[in-house]
Amino acid sequence: MFEKKVQIQNKAGIHCRPSSLIMTAVEKYPGNEFQLISARGKSSLASILDLLALGLQCGDTAVLQVSGPQEQEAGEKIAELLEFEFDFR
């Protein structure tokens, strides 16, 4: 199992646009199971609404867990997106 503590870096938190990019990446790893656990709850990353419901803000931390055939690659990619500071200008 891949497990990593991530800190949200995006100034606006994880809103619709970053969530969409994260979910697109999750869909590239079928057969893997994802869990994102924060102080506000946990998400299986099964849908964009599931991720948005966590209300992750800049500076929040969460633990990403991934299990499955591509857990290392998938975990590193999703962790990178969760910690990325997006610029949507």
C-alpha atoms as a PDB file:
ATOM      1  CA  MET A   1       0.000   0.000   0.000  1.00  0.00           C
ATOM      2  CA  PHE A   2       1.187   3.487  -0.886  1.00  0.00           C
ATOM      3  CA  GLU A   3       0.667   6.086   1.847  1.00  0.00           C
ATOM      4  CA  LYS A   4       1.772   9.705   1.916  1.00  0.00           C
ATOM      5  CA  LYS A   5       0.923  12.760   3.974  1.00  0.00           C
ATOM      6  CA  VAL A   6       0.217  15.713   1.672  1.00  0.00           C
ATOM      7  CA  GLN A   7      -0.239  19.408   2.336  1.00  0.00           C
ATOM      8  CA  ILE A   8      -2.545  21.435   0.104  1.00  0.00           C
ATOM      9  CA  GLN A   9      -0.526  24.219  -1.542  1.00  0.00           C
ATOM     10  CA  ASN A  10      -3.101  25.724  -3.899  1.00  0.00           C
ATOM     11  CA  LYS A  11      -4.055  29.158  -2.539  1.00  0.00           C
ATOM     12  CA  ALA A  12      -7.753  28.604  -3.308  1.00  0.00           C
ATOM     13  CA  GLY A  13      -7.729  25.064  -1.925  1.00  0.00           C
ATOM     14  CA  ILE A  14      -9.098  22.070  -3.785  1.00  0.00           C
ATOM     15  CA  HIS A  15     -12.039  23.578  -5.674  1.00  0.00           C
ATOM     16  CA  CYS A  16     -13.718  22.488  -8.937  1.00  0.00           C
ATOM     17  CA  ARG A  17     -10.813  22.953 -11.343  1.00  0.00           C
ATOM     18  CA  PRO A  18      -8.115  21.133  -9.364  1.00  0.00           C
ATOM     19  CA  SER A  19     -10.664  18.476  -8.392  1.00  0.00           C
ATOM     20  CA  SER A  20     -11.406  17.863 -12.051  1.00  0.00           C
ATOM     21  CA  LEU A  21      -7.705  17.390 -12.837  1.00  0.00           C
ATOM     22  CA  ILE A  22      -7.245  15.090  -9.852  1.00  0.00           C
ATOM     23  CA  MET A  23     -10.256  12.961 -10.815  1.00  0.00           C
ATOM     24  CA  THR A  24      -9.031  12.710 -14.418  1.00  0.00           C
ATOM     25  CA  ALA A  25      -5.742  11.351 -13.070  1.00  0.00           C
ATOM     26  CA  VAL A  26      -7.535   8.906 -10.722  1.00  0.00           C
ATOM     27  CA  GLU A  27      -9.492   7.514 -13.688  1.00  0.00           C
ATOM     28  CA  LYS A  28      -6.195   6.644 -15.430  1.00  0.00           C
ATOM     29  CA  TYR A  29      -5.523   4.017 -12.751  1.00  0.00           C
ATOM     30  CA  PRO A  30      -8.456   1.569 -12.864  1.00  0.00           C
ATOM     31  CA  GLY A  31      -8.211  -1.296 -10.416  1.00  0.00           C
ATOM     32  CA  ASN A  32      -6.598   0.854  -7.737  1.00  0.00           C
ATOM     33  CA  GLU A  33      -8.401   1.958  -4.589  1.00  0.00           C
ATOM     34  CA  PHE A  34      -7.881   5.462  -3.246  1.00  0.00           C
ATOM     35  CA  GLN A  35      -8.533   6.985   0.182  1.00  0.00           C
ATOM     36  CA  LEU A  36      -7.903  10.590   1.132  1.00  0.00           C
ATOM     37  CA  ILE A  37      -8.196  11.141   4.872  1.00  0.00           C
ATOM     38  CA  SER A  38      -8.258  14.619   6.402  1.00  0.00           C
ATOM     39  CA  ALA A  39      -9.423  16.210   9.639  1.00  0.00           C
ATOM     40  CA  ARG A  40     -12.712  16.938   7.834  1.00  0.00           C
ATOM     41  CA  GLY A  41     -13.406  13.345   6.842  1.00  0.00           C
ATOM     42  CA  LYS A  42     -12.386  10.869   4.206  1.00  0.00           C
ATOM     43  CA  SER A  43     -12.993  10.398   0.518  1.00  0.00           C
ATOM     44  CA  SER A  44     -12.636   7.341  -1.688  1.00  0.00           C
ATOM     45  CA  LEU A  45     -12.030   9.685  -4.634  1.00  0.00           C
ATOM     46  CA  ALA A  46     -14.897   7.884  -6.375  1.00  0.00           C
ATOM     47  CA  SER A  47     -16.334  11.167  -7.655  1.00  0.00           C
ATOM     48  CA  ILE A  48     -15.507  14.842  -7.883  1.00  0.00           C
ATOM     49  CA  LEU A  49     -18.264  15.600  -5.353  1.00  0.00           C
ATOM     50  CA  ASP A  50     -16.701  13.156  -2.908  1.00  0.00           C
ATOM     51  CA  LEU A  51     -13.422  15.092  -3.129  1.00  0.00           C
ATOM     52  CA  LEU A  52     -15.062  18.543  -2.993  1.00  0.00           C
ATOM     53  CA  ALA A  53     -17.032  17.511   0.103  1.00  0.00           C
ATOM     54  CA  LEU A  54     -13.770  17.465   2.085  1.00  0.00           C
ATOM     55  CA  GLY A  55     -13.482  21.248   1.632  1.00  0.00           C
ATOM     56  CA  LEU A  56      -9.680  21.138   1.580  1.00  0.00           C
ATOM     57  CA  GLN A  57      -8.107  24.573   1.985  1.00  0.00           C
ATOM     58  CA  CYS A  58      -4.555  25.836   1.506  1.00  0.00           C
ATOM     59  CA  GLY A  59      -2.400  24.542   4.351  1.00  0.00           C
ATOM     60  CA  ASP A  60      -4.658  21.591   5.192  1.00  0.00           C
ATOM     61  CA  THR A  61      -2.994  18.203   5.454  1.00  0.00           C
ATOM     62  CA  ALA A  62      -4.376  14.840   4.446  1.00  0.00           C
ATOM     63  CA  VAL A  63      -3.152  11.285   4.114  1.00  0.00           C
ATOM     64  CA  LEU A  64      -3.404   9.687   0.680  1.00  0.00           C
ATOM     65  CA  GLN A  65      -3.629   5.901   0.598  1.00  0.00           C
ATOM     66  CA  VAL A  66      -3.573   3.874  -2.603  1.00  0.00           C
ATOM     67  CA  SER A  67      -3.723   0.117  -3.032  1.00  0.00           C
ATOM     68  CA  GLY A  68      -3.699  -1.852  -6.238  1.00  0.00           C
ATOM     69  CA  PRO A  69      -1.509  -2.923  -9.128  1.00  0.00           C
ATOM     70  CA  GLN A  70      -0.157   0.584  -9.841  1.00  0.00           C
ATOM     71  CA  GLU A  71      -0.288   1.947  -6.294  1.00  0.00           C
ATOM     72  CA  GLN A  72       3.179   3.531  -6.284  1.00  0.00           C
ATOM     73  CA  GLU A  73       2.815   5.314  -9.633  1.00  0.00           C
ATOM     74  CA  ALA A  74      -0.803   6.304  -8.968  1.00  0.00           C
ATOM     75  CA  GLY A  75      -0.027   7.496  -5.438  1.00  0.00           C
ATOM     76  CA  GLU A  76       2.878   9.658  -6.523  1.00  0.00           C
ATOM     77  CA  LYS A  77       0.844  11.264  -9.332  1.00  0.00           C
ATOM     78  CA  ILE A  78      -2.210  12.019  -7.178  1.00  0.00           C
ATOM     79  CA  ALA A  79      -0.032  13.297  -4.299  1.00  0.00           C
ATOM     80  CA  GLU A  80       1.763  15.603  -6.743  1.00  0.00           C
ATOM     81  CA  LEU A  81      -1.560  17.043  -7.925  1.00  0.00           C
ATOM     82  CA  LEU A  82      -2.865  17.483  -4.370  1.00  0.00           C
ATOM     83  CA  GLU A  83       0.274  19.451  -3.445  1.00  0.00           C
ATOM     84  CA  PHE A  84       0.490  21.440  -6.689  1.00  0.00           C
ATOM     85  CA  GLU A  85      -0.083  25.209  -6.687  1.00  0.00           C
ATOM     86  CA  PHE A  86      -2.339  25.719  -9.705  1.00  0.00           C
ATOM     87  CA  ASP A  87      -2.418  28.953 -11.710  1.00  0.00           C
ATOM     88  CA  PHE A  88      -5.687  29.180 -13.628  1.00  0.00           C
ATOM     89  CA  ARG A  89      -5.274  32.731 -14.909  1.00  0.00           C
END
